[in-house]
C-alpha cells in the first residue's frame, strides 16, 4: 500500500472532535502527527517520563532550558517539551496569549 489511508467523518459537536491514529508501531511520523494534533489550538504537549500531557498555554508560568532540553513550568508540575523555544508556531502562540 502506497501512502497512508485517511478517513474523515463529520460530527455534530465540536467537543466530540478527535483524531484517532491506528498504527502497527509508533514511528516518528506517527509521533509527529500525534504531537501536531495535540498542539492544535492553545495547547502544547508536555511530557513527564514517557507520558504525554496537553498543556494549555495560559497554565504555563514560564519555560526554562537546561542544555538542549526545554521545560514548561506550571503551578504544580514540570514538563519536558520537545519543541524548541524558537519554534515559529510556539513563538506565535506565546505572543498571542
N, C-alpha and C. Protein backbone atom coordinates (compact mmCIF):
# COMPACT_ATOMS: atom_id res chain seq x y z
N UNK A 1 0.85 -1.18 0.00
CA UNK A 1 0.00 0.00 0.00
C UNK A 1 0.89 1.24 0.00
N UNK A 2 0.71 2.12 -0.96
CA UNK A 2 1.47 3.36 -1.02
C UNK A 2 0.74 4.44 -0.25
N UNK A 3 1.45 5.15 0.63
CA UNK A 3 0.84 6.23 1.39
C UNK A 3 -0.03 5.71 2.51
N UNK A 4 -0.66 6.62 3.18
CA UNK A 4 -1.49 6.29 4.32
C UNK A 4 -2.95 6.57 3.98
N UNK A 5 -3.82 5.71 4.40
CA UNK A 5 -5.26 5.91 4.19
C UNK A 5 -5.75 6.95 5.20
N UNK A 6 -6.56 7.89 4.75
CA UNK A 6 -7.10 8.94 5.60
C UNK A 6 -8.62 8.89 5.52
N UNK A 7 -9.26 8.89 6.68
CA UNK A 7 -10.73 8.90 6.74
C UNK A 7 -11.16 10.15 7.51
N UNK A 8 -12.21 10.80 7.02
CA UNK A 8 -12.77 11.97 7.70
C UNK A 8 -14.26 11.73 7.87
N UNK A 9 -14.73 11.99 9.06
CA UNK A 9 -16.15 11.79 9.36
C UNK A 9 -16.68 13.06 10.00
N UNK A 10 -17.75 13.62 9.47
CA UNK A 10 -18.37 14.81 10.04
C UNK A 10 -19.18 14.43 11.27
N UNK A 11 -19.06 15.25 12.32
CA UNK A 11 -19.81 15.04 13.55
C UNK A 11 -20.56 16.31 13.90
N UNK A 12 -21.41 16.26 14.89
CA UNK A 12 -22.27 17.40 15.21
C UNK A 12 -21.68 18.35 16.24
N UNK A 13 -20.91 17.85 17.19
CA UNK A 13 -20.45 18.69 18.30
C UNK A 13 -18.94 18.82 18.31
N UNK A 14 -18.46 20.07 18.45
CA UNK A 14 -17.01 20.33 18.47
C UNK A 14 -16.32 19.57 19.59
N UNK A 15 -16.97 19.47 20.75
CA UNK A 15 -16.33 18.79 21.87
C UNK A 15 -16.14 17.29 21.64
N UNK A 16 -16.77 16.75 20.61
CA UNK A 16 -16.60 15.33 20.26
C UNK A 16 -15.50 15.12 19.20
N UNK A 17 -14.88 16.21 18.75
CA UNK A 17 -13.83 16.08 17.74
C UNK A 17 -12.65 15.30 18.33
N UNK A 18 -12.05 14.48 17.49
CA UNK A 18 -10.88 13.72 17.91
C UNK A 18 -10.12 13.23 16.69
N UNK A 19 -8.88 12.90 16.89
CA UNK A 19 -8.08 12.26 15.86
C UNK A 19 -7.68 10.90 16.40
N UNK A 20 -7.88 9.88 15.62
CA UNK A 20 -7.54 8.51 16.01
C UNK A 20 -6.44 8.02 15.08
N UNK A 21 -5.33 7.60 15.66
CA UNK A 21 -4.23 7.06 14.88
C UNK A 21 -4.20 5.55 15.07
N UNK A 22 -4.18 4.82 13.99
CA UNK A 22 -4.08 3.38 14.06
C UNK A 22 -2.79 2.98 13.35
N UNK A 23 -1.90 2.35 14.09
CA UNK A 23 -0.61 2.01 13.50
C UNK A 23 -0.12 0.68 14.03
N UNK A 24 0.74 0.04 13.27
CA UNK A 24 1.36 -1.21 13.69
C UNK A 24 2.38 -0.92 14.79
N UNK A 25 3.12 0.19 14.64
CA UNK A 25 4.06 0.62 15.65
C UNK A 25 4.12 2.15 15.64
N UNK A 26 4.49 2.73 16.78
CA UNK A 26 4.58 4.19 16.88
C UNK A 26 5.90 4.64 16.27
N UNK A 27 5.83 5.12 15.04
CA UNK A 27 7.02 5.60 14.34
C UNK A 27 7.16 7.10 14.56
N UNK A 28 8.25 7.67 14.09
CA UNK A 28 8.47 9.11 14.19
C UNK A 28 7.37 9.87 13.46
N UNK A 29 6.94 9.36 12.29
CA UNK A 29 5.86 10.02 11.55
C UNK A 29 4.57 10.06 12.36
N UNK A 30 4.22 8.95 12.99
CA UNK A 30 3.00 8.92 13.80
C UNK A 30 3.15 9.81 15.03
N UNK A 31 4.32 9.83 15.62
CA UNK A 31 4.55 10.70 16.78
C UNK A 31 4.42 12.17 16.38
N UNK A 32 4.93 12.53 15.21
CA UNK A 32 4.78 13.91 14.71
C UNK A 32 3.31 14.27 14.50
N UNK A 33 2.55 13.35 13.91
CA UNK A 33 1.12 13.58 13.69
C UNK A 33 0.41 13.73 15.04
N UNK A 34 0.76 12.88 15.99
CA UNK A 34 0.15 12.92 17.32
C UNK A 34 0.44 14.27 17.99
N UNK A 35 1.70 14.70 17.95
CA UNK A 35 2.05 15.98 18.57
C UNK A 35 1.34 17.14 17.89
N UNK A 36 1.25 17.10 16.57
CA UNK A 36 0.55 18.16 15.83
C UNK A 36 -0.90 18.23 16.29
N UNK A 37 -1.57 17.08 16.36
CA UNK A 37 -2.98 17.06 16.77
C UNK A 37 -3.15 17.57 18.20
N UNK A 38 -2.26 17.18 19.08
CA UNK A 38 -2.34 17.63 20.47
C UNK A 38 -2.04 19.11 20.62
N UNK A 39 -1.24 19.66 19.71
CA UNK A 39 -0.83 21.05 19.82
C UNK A 39 -1.81 22.03 19.17
N UNK A 40 -2.80 21.56 18.46
CA UNK A 40 -3.77 22.45 17.82
C UNK A 40 -4.44 23.32 18.88
N UNK A 41 -4.71 24.55 18.53
CA UNK A 41 -5.31 25.48 19.48
C UNK A 41 -4.24 26.08 20.37
N UNK A 42 -4.58 26.36 21.59
CA UNK A 42 -3.63 26.98 22.51
C UNK A 42 -3.07 25.97 23.50
N UNK A 43 -2.62 24.85 22.98
CA UNK A 43 -2.04 23.83 23.84
C UNK A 43 -0.66 23.43 23.33
N UNK A 44 0.08 22.85 24.21
CA UNK A 44 1.42 22.37 23.93
C UNK A 44 1.50 20.97 24.52
N UNK A 45 2.30 20.12 23.95
CA UNK A 45 2.48 18.78 24.51
C UNK A 45 3.66 18.81 25.46
N UNK A 46 3.42 18.36 26.69
CA UNK A 46 4.48 18.25 27.68
C UNK A 46 4.59 16.81 28.14
N UNK A 47 5.75 16.43 28.59
CA UNK A 47 6.00 15.04 28.98
C UNK A 47 6.52 14.96 30.40
N UNK A 48 6.02 13.99 31.13
CA UNK A 48 6.60 13.57 32.40
C UNK A 48 6.93 12.10 32.19
N UNK A 49 8.22 11.80 32.22
CA UNK A 49 8.73 10.48 31.83
C UNK A 49 8.27 10.22 30.39
N UNK A 50 7.55 9.16 30.13
CA UNK A 50 7.10 8.87 28.76
C UNK A 50 5.63 9.23 28.53
N UNK A 51 4.97 9.75 29.55
CA UNK A 51 3.55 10.10 29.43
C UNK A 51 3.40 11.50 28.86
N UNK A 52 2.53 11.65 27.86
CA UNK A 52 2.28 12.94 27.21
C UNK A 52 1.05 13.60 27.83
N UNK A 53 1.12 14.91 28.00
CA UNK A 53 0.02 15.69 28.57
C UNK A 53 -0.23 16.92 27.71
N UNK A 54 -1.49 17.30 27.59
CA UNK A 54 -1.85 18.54 26.91
C UNK A 54 -1.75 19.67 27.92
N UNK A 55 -0.96 20.68 27.58
CA UNK A 55 -0.79 21.83 28.47
C UNK A 55 -1.39 23.05 27.80
N UNK A 56 -2.34 23.69 28.46
CA UNK A 56 -2.87 24.94 27.94
C UNK A 56 -1.83 26.03 28.19
N UNK A 57 -1.58 26.85 27.18
CA UNK A 57 -0.52 27.85 27.30
C UNK A 57 -0.74 28.81 28.46
N UNK A 58 -2.00 29.11 28.78
CA UNK A 58 -2.22 30.05 29.89
C UNK A 58 -1.97 29.42 31.26
N UNK A 59 -1.73 28.10 31.32
CA UNK A 59 -1.37 27.45 32.58
C UNK A 59 0.14 27.36 32.77
N UNK A 60 0.90 27.69 31.73
CA UNK A 60 2.36 27.63 31.82
C UNK A 60 2.87 28.95 32.40
N UNK A 61 3.60 28.85 33.50
CA UNK A 61 4.12 30.04 34.17
C UNK A 61 5.37 30.56 33.45
N UNK A 62 6.26 29.65 33.08
CA UNK A 62 7.47 30.04 32.35
C UNK A 62 8.14 28.81 31.76
N UNK A 63 9.08 29.05 30.86
CA UNK A 63 9.88 28.00 30.24
C UNK A 63 11.31 28.14 30.72
N UNK A 64 11.98 27.03 30.82
CA UNK A 64 13.40 27.04 31.16
C UNK A 64 14.12 26.01 30.31
N UNK A 65 15.40 26.20 30.12
CA UNK A 65 16.19 25.26 29.33
C UNK A 65 17.42 24.84 30.11
N UNK A 66 17.72 23.56 30.03
CA UNK A 66 18.93 23.00 30.60
C UNK A 66 19.60 22.23 29.47
N UNK A 67 20.70 22.74 28.97
CA UNK A 67 21.33 22.13 27.80
C UNK A 67 20.39 22.20 26.62
N UNK A 68 20.14 21.07 26.00
CA UNK A 68 19.24 21.01 24.84
C UNK A 68 17.79 20.75 25.23
N UNK A 69 17.52 20.52 26.51
CA UNK A 69 16.17 20.17 26.95
C UNK A 69 15.41 21.41 27.41
N UNK A 70 14.15 21.55 26.95
CA UNK A 70 13.29 22.67 27.33
C UNK A 70 12.23 22.14 28.29
N UNK A 71 11.93 22.93 29.32
CA UNK A 71 10.93 22.55 30.32
C UNK A 71 9.86 23.63 30.42
N UNK A 72 8.61 23.20 30.61
CA UNK A 72 7.48 24.10 30.85
C UNK A 72 7.09 23.93 32.32
N UNK A 73 7.00 25.03 33.02
CA UNK A 73 6.68 25.02 34.45
C UNK A 73 5.26 25.52 34.65
N UNK A 74 4.45 24.71 35.34
CA UNK A 74 3.11 25.13 35.74
C UNK A 74 3.12 25.30 37.25
N UNK A 75 1.99 25.60 37.83
CA UNK A 75 1.92 25.77 39.28
C UNK A 75 2.18 24.46 40.03
N UNK A 76 1.94 23.33 39.37
CA UNK A 76 2.06 22.06 40.09
C UNK A 76 3.06 21.06 39.51
N UNK A 77 3.47 21.24 38.25
CA UNK A 77 4.33 20.25 37.59
C UNK A 77 5.41 20.90 36.74
N UNK A 78 6.40 20.11 36.40
CA UNK A 78 7.42 20.50 35.44
C UNK A 78 7.38 19.47 34.32
N UNK A 79 7.18 19.94 33.10
CA UNK A 79 7.06 19.07 31.93
C UNK A 79 8.23 19.29 30.99
N UNK A 80 8.74 18.22 30.41
CA UNK A 80 9.71 18.42 29.34
C UNK A 80 8.93 18.68 28.06
N UNK A 81 9.48 19.53 27.22
CA UNK A 81 8.82 19.96 25.99
C UNK A 81 9.76 19.65 24.83
N UNK A 82 9.25 19.00 23.80
CA UNK A 82 10.10 18.63 22.68
C UNK A 82 10.26 19.75 21.66
N UNK A 83 9.41 20.76 21.74
CA UNK A 83 9.53 21.90 20.84
C UNK A 83 10.61 22.84 21.34
N UNK A 84 11.32 23.46 20.44
CA UNK A 84 12.32 24.45 20.79
C UNK A 84 11.60 25.77 21.09
N UNK A 85 12.16 26.56 21.98
CA UNK A 85 11.54 27.84 22.32
C UNK A 85 11.47 28.77 21.13
N UNK A 86 12.36 28.60 20.16
CA UNK A 86 12.35 29.47 19.00
C UNK A 86 11.47 28.95 17.87
N UNK A 87 10.79 27.82 18.07
CA UNK A 87 9.92 27.29 17.03
C UNK A 87 8.86 28.33 16.68
N UNK A 88 8.67 28.58 15.40
CA UNK A 88 7.77 29.65 14.94
C UNK A 88 6.37 29.53 15.51
N UNK A 89 5.81 28.34 15.46
CA UNK A 89 4.43 28.15 15.89
C UNK A 89 4.29 28.45 17.39
N UNK A 90 5.21 27.94 18.18
CA UNK A 90 5.15 28.18 19.62
C UNK A 90 5.36 29.66 19.92
N UNK A 91 6.30 30.26 19.25
CA UNK A 91 6.58 31.69 19.45
C UNK A 91 5.34 32.52 19.16
N UNK A 92 4.66 32.19 18.05
CA UNK A 92 3.46 32.92 17.67
C UNK A 92 2.37 32.76 18.72
N UNK A 93 2.18 31.52 19.23
CA UNK A 93 1.15 31.27 20.23
C UNK A 93 1.45 32.03 21.52
N UNK A 94 2.71 32.07 21.90
CA UNK A 94 3.07 32.79 23.12
C UNK A 94 2.83 34.29 22.96
N UNK A 95 3.11 34.82 21.79
CA UNK A 95 2.90 36.25 21.54
C UNK A 95 1.42 36.61 21.54
N UNK A 96 0.58 35.69 21.04
CA UNK A 96 -0.87 35.94 21.00
C UNK A 96 -1.46 35.87 22.39
N UNK A 97 -0.96 34.98 23.24
CA UNK A 97 -1.51 34.77 24.57
C UNK A 97 -1.09 35.82 25.49
